[in-house]
Protein backbone atom coordinates (compact mmCIF):
# COMPACT_ATOMS: atom_id res chain seq x y z
CA MET A 1 -10.97 -12.91 4.95
CA PRO A 2 -9.53 -9.91 3.06
CA ARG A 3 -5.90 -10.04 2.05
CA HIS A 4 -3.29 -7.49 3.13
CA THR A 5 -0.36 -5.84 1.38
CA PRO A 6 3.00 -5.53 3.21
CA LEU A 7 2.01 -1.93 4.08
CA PHE A 8 -1.27 -2.80 5.83
CA ASN A 9 0.01 -2.21 9.36
CA TRP A 10 1.57 1.08 8.29
CA HIS A 11 -1.75 2.27 6.78
CA VAL A 12 -3.63 1.41 9.98
CA ALA A 13 -1.03 3.10 12.17
CA GLU A 14 -1.35 6.25 10.06
CA GLY A 15 -5.10 6.36 10.67
CA ALA A 16 -6.17 5.43 7.14
CA ALA A 17 -9.83 4.74 6.47
CA MET A 18 -9.62 1.15 5.22
CA THR A 19 -11.98 -0.43 2.70
CA GLU A 20 -12.34 -3.77 0.90
CA PHE A 21 -11.14 -3.66 -2.70
CA ALA A 22 -10.54 -6.63 -5.01
CA GLY A 23 -10.21 -8.95 -2.03
CA TYR A 24 -7.76 -6.69 -0.20
CA GLU A 25 -8.18 -4.33 2.73
CA MET A 26 -6.81 -1.08 1.30
CA PRO A 27 -6.61 2.59 2.35
CA LEU A 28 -9.46 4.68 0.95
CA HIS A 29 -7.90 7.86 2.30
CA TYR A 30 -5.77 9.15 5.16
CA LYS A 31 -6.38 11.99 7.63
CA LEU A 32 -6.22 14.79 5.04
CA GLY A 33 -9.08 13.27 3.03
CA ILE A 34 -9.60 12.52 -0.66
CA ILE A 35 -9.76 16.08 -1.96
CA GLU A 36 -6.51 17.19 -0.31
CA GLU A 37 -4.74 14.01 -1.38
CA HIS A 38 -5.93 14.58 -4.94
CA ARG A 39 -4.72 18.18 -5.01
CA THR A 40 -1.38 17.25 -3.51
CA VAL A 41 -0.76 14.80 -6.38
CA ARG A 42 -1.68 17.49 -8.91
CA ASN A 43 0.59 20.09 -7.29
CA LYS A 44 3.36 18.17 -5.49
CA ALA A 45 3.49 14.36 -5.22
CA GLY A 46 1.68 11.37 -3.77
CA LEU A 47 2.68 7.81 -2.86
CA PHE A 48 0.39 4.87 -3.69
CA ASP A 49 0.31 1.29 -2.40
CA LEU A 50 -0.33 -0.76 -5.55
CA CYS A 51 0.71 -4.14 -4.17
CA HIS A 52 -2.77 -5.54 -4.81
CA MET A 53 -2.22 -5.39 -8.58
CA GLY A 54 -1.50 -8.59 -10.50
CA GLN A 55 1.76 -9.45 -12.23
CA ILE A 56 2.05 -12.29 -14.71
CA ARG A 57 5.32 -13.31 -16.38
CA VAL A 58 5.39 -14.81 -19.87
CA ARG A 59 8.63 -16.26 -21.18
CA GLY A 60 9.75 -18.88 -23.67
CA ARG A 61 10.72 -19.33 -27.31
CA GLN A 62 7.30 -18.27 -28.62
CA ALA A 63 6.40 -15.66 -25.99
CA ALA A 64 6.04 -12.81 -28.51
CA GLU A 65 3.94 -14.86 -30.94
CA TYR A 66 1.74 -16.12 -28.12
CA LEU A 67 1.11 -12.62 -26.75
CA ASP A 68 0.37 -11.33 -30.24
CA TYR A 69 -2.38 -13.96 -30.34
CA VAL A 70 -3.95 -13.42 -26.91
CA LEU A 71 -3.62 -9.60 -26.77
CA THR A 72 -5.14 -6.94 -29.01
CA GLN A 73 -1.95 -4.86 -29.07
CA LYS A 74 1.08 -5.52 -31.28
CA ILE A 75 3.76 -7.19 -29.14
CA ALA A 76 6.36 -8.77 -31.45
CA ASP A 77 7.87 -5.41 -32.43
CA MET A 78 8.28 -4.16 -28.84
CA GLN A 79 11.78 -3.17 -27.76
CA VAL A 80 13.34 -4.05 -24.42
CA GLY A 81 12.54 -1.30 -21.91
CA HIS A 82 9.21 -0.36 -23.53
CA VAL A 83 5.70 -0.53 -22.06
CA ARG A 84 2.40 -0.83 -23.97
CA TYR A 85 -1.25 -0.67 -23.00
CA SER A 86 -3.26 -3.65 -24.25
CA LEU A 87 -6.41 -5.67 -23.75
CA LEU A 88 -7.40 -9.29 -23.27
CA SER A 89 -10.42 -9.90 -25.47
CA THR A 90 -12.98 -12.69 -25.58
CA PHE A 91 -13.66 -14.39 -28.92
CA ALA A 92 -16.89 -12.35 -29.03
CA GLY A 93 -14.99 -9.07 -28.68
CA GLY A 94 -15.77 -8.34 -25.04
CA THR A 95 -13.02 -7.22 -22.69
CA ILE A 96 -11.59 -9.64 -20.13
CA ASP A 97 -9.14 -7.04 -18.80
CA ASP A 98 -6.95 -4.11 -19.74
CA LEU A 99 -3.29 -4.28 -18.79
CA MET A 100 0.24 -3.01 -19.31
CA VAL A 101 2.89 -5.09 -21.10
CA TYR A 102 6.56 -4.68 -20.10
CA CYS A 103 9.14 -6.01 -22.56
CA ARG A 104 12.19 -7.29 -20.66
CA LYS A 105 15.33 -8.93 -22.05
CA ASP A 106 14.10 -12.54 -21.93
CA GLU A 107 10.46 -12.21 -20.92
CA TYR A 108 7.32 -10.11 -20.80
CA LEU A 109 5.61 -8.85 -17.67
CA LEU A 110 1.83 -8.31 -17.76
CA VAL A 111 0.50 -5.96 -15.08
CA VAL A 112 -3.20 -6.68 -14.66
CA ASN A 113 -6.09 -5.39 -12.57
CA ALA A 114 -6.30 -6.70 -9.02
CA ALA A 115 -9.86 -8.00 -9.31
CA ASN A 116 -9.07 -9.92 -12.52
CA LYS A 117 -5.66 -11.45 -11.89
CA ALA A 118 -6.88 -15.00 -11.17
CA GLU A 119 -9.24 -14.97 -14.15
CA ASP A 120 -6.55 -13.49 -16.42
CA PHE A 121 -4.02 -16.12 -15.37
CA ALA A 122 -6.53 -18.92 -16.00
CA TRP A 123 -7.50 -17.47 -19.41
CA LEU A 124 -3.87 -17.10 -20.49
CA ASN A 125 -3.22 -20.74 -19.61
CA GLU A 126 -6.39 -21.91 -21.39
CA GLN A 127 -5.22 -20.23 -24.62
CA LYS A 128 -1.67 -21.53 -24.38
CA GLY A 129 -2.30 -24.48 -26.68
CA PHE A 130 0.91 -25.64 -28.35
CA TYR A 131 2.79 -22.37 -27.88
CA ASP A 132 6.21 -22.92 -26.31
CA VAL A 133 5.73 -20.52 -23.38
CA GLU A 134 5.89 -20.52 -19.60
CA ILE A 135 3.27 -18.47 -17.74
CA THR A 136 3.87 -17.63 -14.08
CA ASP A 137 1.76 -15.65 -11.61
CA LEU A 138 4.18 -13.41 -9.69
CA SER A 139 1.48 -11.49 -7.82
CA ASP A 140 2.30 -12.96 -4.41
CA ALA A 141 6.04 -12.37 -4.78
CA TYR A 142 6.31 -8.82 -6.11
CA GLY A 143 4.77 -5.50 -5.13
CA ILE A 144 4.29 -2.09 -6.74
CA ILE A 145 4.68 1.41 -5.34
CA GLY A 146 3.34 4.37 -7.30
CA LEU A 147 4.98 7.81 -7.03
CA GLN A 148 2.97 10.42 -8.92
CA GLY A 149 3.03 14.19 -9.27
CA PRO A 150 5.11 17.06 -10.72
CA LEU A 151 7.81 16.60 -8.04
CA ALA A 152 8.04 12.81 -8.45
CA GLU A 153 11.27 12.89 -10.47
CA HIS A 154 13.00 15.18 -7.95
CA ILE A 155 12.10 12.76 -5.15
CA LEU A 156 12.99 9.50 -6.89
CA ALA A 157 16.08 10.35 -8.97
CA PRO A 158 18.53 10.60 -6.01
CA LEU A 159 17.51 7.12 -4.85
CA VAL A 160 18.23 5.38 -8.17
CA GLU A 161 21.86 4.26 -8.34
CA HIS A 162 22.64 5.68 -11.78
CA GLY A 163 19.79 8.20 -11.86
CA LEU A 164 16.79 8.20 -14.16
CA GLY A 165 18.71 9.44 -17.19
CA ASN A 166 16.46 10.30 -20.10
CA LEU A 167 13.69 7.88 -19.09
CA LYS A 168 10.63 8.72 -21.18
CA TYR A 169 6.93 8.00 -20.71
CA LEU A 170 6.05 4.31 -21.22
CA ARG A 171 9.67 3.29 -20.72
CA PHE A 172 11.36 1.50 -17.83
CA LEU A 173 14.78 0.75 -16.46
CA GLU A 174 16.16 -2.08 -14.33
CA THR A 175 17.90 -1.14 -11.09
CA GLU A 176 18.25 -2.23 -7.45
CA PHE A 177 16.99 -1.02 -4.09
CA PHE A 178 18.49 -2.56 -0.93
CA GLU A 179 20.41 -5.00 -3.16
CA VAL A 180 17.23 -6.50 -4.62
CA PRO A 181 16.31 -6.13 -8.31
CA ALA A 182 13.64 -3.59 -9.21
CA ILE A 183 11.93 -2.04 -12.22
CA VAL A 184 11.29 1.71 -12.39
CA SER A 185 8.80 2.69 -15.10
CA ARG A 186 7.61 6.13 -16.15
CA THR A 187 3.95 5.17 -16.05
CA GLY A 188 0.89 5.90 -13.95
CA TYR A 189 -2.85 6.31 -13.69
CA THR A 190 -3.11 9.98 -12.68
CA GLY A 191 -2.20 12.04 -15.74
CA GLU A 192 0.74 13.53 -13.85
CA ASP A 193 4.38 12.75 -14.39
CA GLY A 194 5.30 9.81 -12.22
CA PHE A 195 6.70 6.36 -11.75
CA GLU A 196 5.73 2.84 -10.77
CA ILE A 197 8.34 0.77 -8.95
CA TYR A 198 8.26 -3.05 -9.00
CA LEU A 199 10.24 -4.99 -6.42
CA PRO A 200 10.00 -8.07 -4.17
CA LEU A 201 7.25 -7.77 -1.56
CA GLN A 202 9.64 -8.02 1.38
CA ALA A 203 11.47 -4.86 0.22
CA VAL A 204 8.33 -2.74 -0.21
CA PRO A 205 8.07 -1.32 3.36
CA ALA A 206 11.70 -0.15 3.38
CA LEU A 207 11.42 1.62 0.02
CA TRP A 208 8.05 3.14 1.01
CA ALA A 209 9.64 4.60 4.16
CA GLN A 210 12.68 5.85 2.26
CA LEU A 211 10.54 7.60 -0.36
CA LEU A 212 8.46 9.31 2.33
CA ARG A 213 11.65 10.51 4.06
CA GLU A 214 13.13 11.75 0.79
CA GLY A 215 9.94 13.50 -0.24
CA LYS A 216 8.86 14.97 3.09
CA SER A 217 10.45 18.37 2.43
CA GLN A 218 8.72 18.50 -0.97
CA GLY A 219 5.25 17.77 0.38
CA LEU A 220 5.01 14.07 -0.52
CA ILE A 221 2.08 12.31 1.19
CA PRO A 222 0.49 8.83 1.02
CA VAL A 223 -2.63 8.64 -1.14
CA GLY A 224 -5.52 6.18 -0.99
CA LEU A 225 -7.88 4.59 -3.49
CA GLY A 226 -10.35 7.48 -3.33
CA ALA A 227 -8.00 10.05 -4.84
CA ARG A 228 -6.57 7.44 -7.21
CA ASP A 229 -10.06 7.16 -8.69
CA THR A 230 -10.76 10.90 -8.92
CA LEU A 231 -7.34 11.48 -10.50
CA ARG A 232 -7.87 8.82 -13.19
CA LEU A 233 -11.41 10.03 -13.88
CA GLU A 234 -10.26 13.61 -14.48
CA MET A 235 -8.06 12.13 -17.21
CA GLY A 236 -10.88 10.02 -18.66
CA TYR A 237 -8.92 6.79 -18.15
CA SER A 238 -11.03 3.64 -18.33
CA LEU A 239 -11.54 1.50 -15.23
CA TYR A 240 -12.29 -2.18 -15.72
CA GLY A 241 -15.78 -3.03 -14.48
CA HIS A 242 -16.95 0.47 -15.35
CA GLU A 243 -15.89 1.62 -18.84
CA LEU A 244 -14.67 -1.83 -19.88
CA SER A 245 -16.17 -5.28 -19.32
CA GLN A 246 -17.10 -8.44 -21.14
CA THR A 247 -20.22 -6.57 -22.32
CA ILE A 248 -18.38 -3.35 -23.26
CA ASN A 249 -15.87 -3.75 -26.06
CA PRO A 250 -12.76 -1.59 -26.64
CA LEU A 251 -14.29 0.26 -29.60
CA GLU A 252 -17.26 1.39 -27.52
CA ALA A 253 -14.96 2.31 -24.64
CA GLY A 254 -12.79 4.56 -26.78
CA VAL A 255 -9.61 2.48 -26.45
CA GLY A 256 -9.61 1.20 -30.01
CA PHE A 257 -6.05 2.54 -30.35
CA ALA A 258 -4.97 -0.60 -28.46
CA VAL A 259 -6.61 -2.90 -31.03
CA LYS A 260 -4.25 -3.56 -33.93
CA PHE A 261 -6.34 -4.90 -36.78
CA ASN A 262 -3.24 -5.12 -39.00
CA LYS A 263 -2.05 -8.13 -37.01
CA GLU A 264 -2.53 -11.47 -38.74
CA ALA A 265 -4.75 -12.95 -36.04
CA PHE A 266 -5.66 -12.41 -32.40
CA ILE A 267 -8.46 -13.50 -30.12
CA GLY A 268 -11.51 -11.33 -30.78
CA LYS A 269 -10.25 -9.93 -34.09
CA ASP A 270 -13.10 -11.26 -36.24
CA ALA A 271 -15.77 -10.07 -33.78
CA LEU A 272 -14.20 -6.63 -33.34
CA GLU A 273 -13.75 -6.20 -37.10
CA ALA A 274 -17.44 -6.99 -37.58
CA ILE A 275 -18.39 -4.45 -34.91
CA LYS A 276 -16.13 -1.86 -36.52
CA ASN A 277 -17.55 -2.47 -40.00
CA GLU A 278 -21.15 -2.33 -38.80
CA GLY A 279 -20.47 0.79 -36.76
CA ILE A 280 -20.61 0.90 -32.98
CA LYS A 281 -24.06 1.39 -31.44
CA ARG A 282 -22.84 2.77 -28.10
CA GLU A 283 -20.01 5.02 -26.98
CA ILE A 284 -18.35 6.26 -23.82
CA VAL A 285 -18.73 10.04 -23.58
CA ALA A 286 -17.72 12.71 -21.07
CA PHE A 287 -20.13 15.01 -19.22
CA LEU A 288 -19.99 17.89 -16.78
CA THR A 289 -22.82 18.67 -14.36
CA GLU A 290 -23.99 22.02 -13.07
CA GLY A 291 -24.25 23.32 -9.55
CA ARG A 292 -23.87 20.81 -6.74
CA VAL A 293 -24.97 17.75 -8.74
CA ILE A 294 -22.54 14.84 -8.30
CA PRO A 295 -23.03 12.07 -10.89
CA ARG A 296 -22.61 8.51 -9.66
CA SER A 297 -22.05 5.17 -11.35
CA GLY A 298 -25.39 3.66 -12.35
CA TYR A 299 -27.32 6.92 -12.77
CA GLN A 300 -29.43 6.94 -15.94
CA VAL A 301 -28.85 9.32 -18.83
CA LEU A 302 -32.04 10.52 -20.52
CA CYS A 303 -32.89 12.09 -23.87
CA GLN A 304 -36.41 13.52 -24.19
CA ASN A 305 -37.39 11.64 -21.03
CA LYS A 306 -36.23 8.28 -22.44
CA PRO A 307 -33.28 6.29 -21.02
CA VAL A 308 -30.39 6.29 -23.50
CA GLY A 309 -27.48 5.22 -21.33
CA VAL A 310 -25.91 4.98 -17.92
CA VAL A 311 -23.09 6.65 -15.99
CA THR A 312 -20.13 4.27 -15.79
CA SER A 313 -18.00 6.51 -13.53
CA GLY A 314 -18.84 9.79 -11.84
CA THR A 315 -17.42 11.99 -9.10
CA PHE A 316 -16.72 15.49 -7.85
CA SER A 317 -13.63 16.86 -9.59
CA PRO A 318 -11.36 18.55 -7.03
CA THR A 319 -9.56 20.36 -9.86
CA LEU A 320 -12.65 21.68 -11.68
CA GLU A 321 -14.76 21.85 -8.51
CA ARG A 322 -17.80 20.39 -10.25
CA GLY A 323 -19.31 17.04 -11.14
CA ILE A 324 -17.76 14.99 -13.95
CA ALA A 325 -18.86 11.69 -15.47
CA LEU A 326 -18.17 9.09 -18.11
CA ALA A 327 -21.30 7.49 -19.51
CA LEU A 328 -22.08 4.68 -21.94
CA ILE A 329 -24.81 6.05 -24.22
CA GLU A 330 -26.38 5.36 -27.58
CA LYS A 331 -24.24 6.48 -30.51
CA GLY A 332 -25.35 9.54 -32.47
CA LEU A 333 -27.37 11.37 -29.83
CA PRO A 334 -27.53 15.19 -29.94
CA ALA A 335 -24.80 16.97 -28.00
CA GLU A 336 -27.37 19.03 -26.13
CA GLY A 337 -30.56 18.18 -24.29
CA LEU A 338 -29.32 15.16 -22.38
CA THR A 339 -30.16 14.95 -18.70
CA LEU A 340 -29.15 12.92 -15.66
CA GLU A 341 -31.78 11.27 -13.46
CA VAL A 342 -30.92 12.02 -9.83
CA ARG A 343 -33.37 10.72 -7.25
CA GLY A 344 -36.33 11.15 -9.59
CA GLN A 345 -35.28 14.56 -10.88
CA GLN A 346 -33.65 15.46 -14.20
CA LYS A 347 -30.43 17.47 -14.06
CA ALA A 348 -28.69 19.06 -17.04
CA LEU A 349 -25.64 17.39 -18.56
CA ILE A 350 -23.00 19.28 -20.53
CA ARG A 351 -21.13 17.15 -23.02
CA THR A 352 -17.39 17.82 -23.17
CA ASN A 353 -14.17 16.40 -24.56
CA LEU A 354 -11.61 14.29 -22.75
CA PRO A 355 -9.51 14.70 -20.76
CA PHE A 356 -11.43 16.79 -18.24
CA VAL A 357 -8.06 18.06 -17.00
CA LYS A 358 -4.97 18.38 -19.18
CA GLY A 359 -2.39 15.69 -18.49
CA ARG A 360 1.24 16.44 -17.72
CA VAL A 361 3.04 13.18 -18.40
CA LYS A 362 6.55 13.63 -19.83
CA LYS A 363 6.43 12.20 -23.34
């Protein structure tokens, strides 16, 4: 049986098209449809139910040292109120998950992908060894609401007791809603300015309703998984299971910035250093398509009629009004002459740089 977030009944009542995702029944889109939801986030603001995401707390005397060992990112020098993107790596250099690390006063919060939270929690415990740490899965106790778009700050600021102040990108503050503790972070997965709000599950419906009331006059609407995916793809953000996996390492995926080789030791360091020194054999690249061709995950990329890679994510870009794709292809191929196999036919691919659409996060 699929699981439900606290907002499930609300989604159904609003006529959302529901779909199974990571073991949850989630809204794919509402009555306006994916394209209109996408454009509303780019131009006004959208509200996202992210309660399916995983949250794992790490605390204890050696929490920083432990996380420096199990994560690719540098953790020990993080300041309270800061957020960093990191990866869980296998000893062979493959990717178990990508995640966000929140540095709180006496603990760290790891926000992990919904489909991987059980595996991540098990892996973190397996690697605990003699580290003096306590690892707790908070996923069934806390929820997340995403508020994204250029009007997000105008909508949220009046609801935060002392305002948002000078909260920068990849920073968070601690506050309360309805007398329960909450975290408000300037983070997101859309490329727009926006926030993610963490609070106990039982308080999620009330805050969701309050945000919709506050934002109604500014065009705020609920947004489903469909537009969440097209928004992240326009930015070229990796999605686990597509651009990252246990068979696709961070260097191939283009997220090597989150691998800090200057750390003394971390899981996967030796393997990733060897891959780096040998030179990567594959890379994630960005393509545009022409005409009405919509690239899809799994489509083959060809060079001189020979398969050289595969589309990892592809869609119609509502902003560019054309097909866009990320593909894992052989390193060193010519920039021109690559084609996409679509139902037995070859369609032209135009290589481009990321992001497909310029981001507007407030740094």
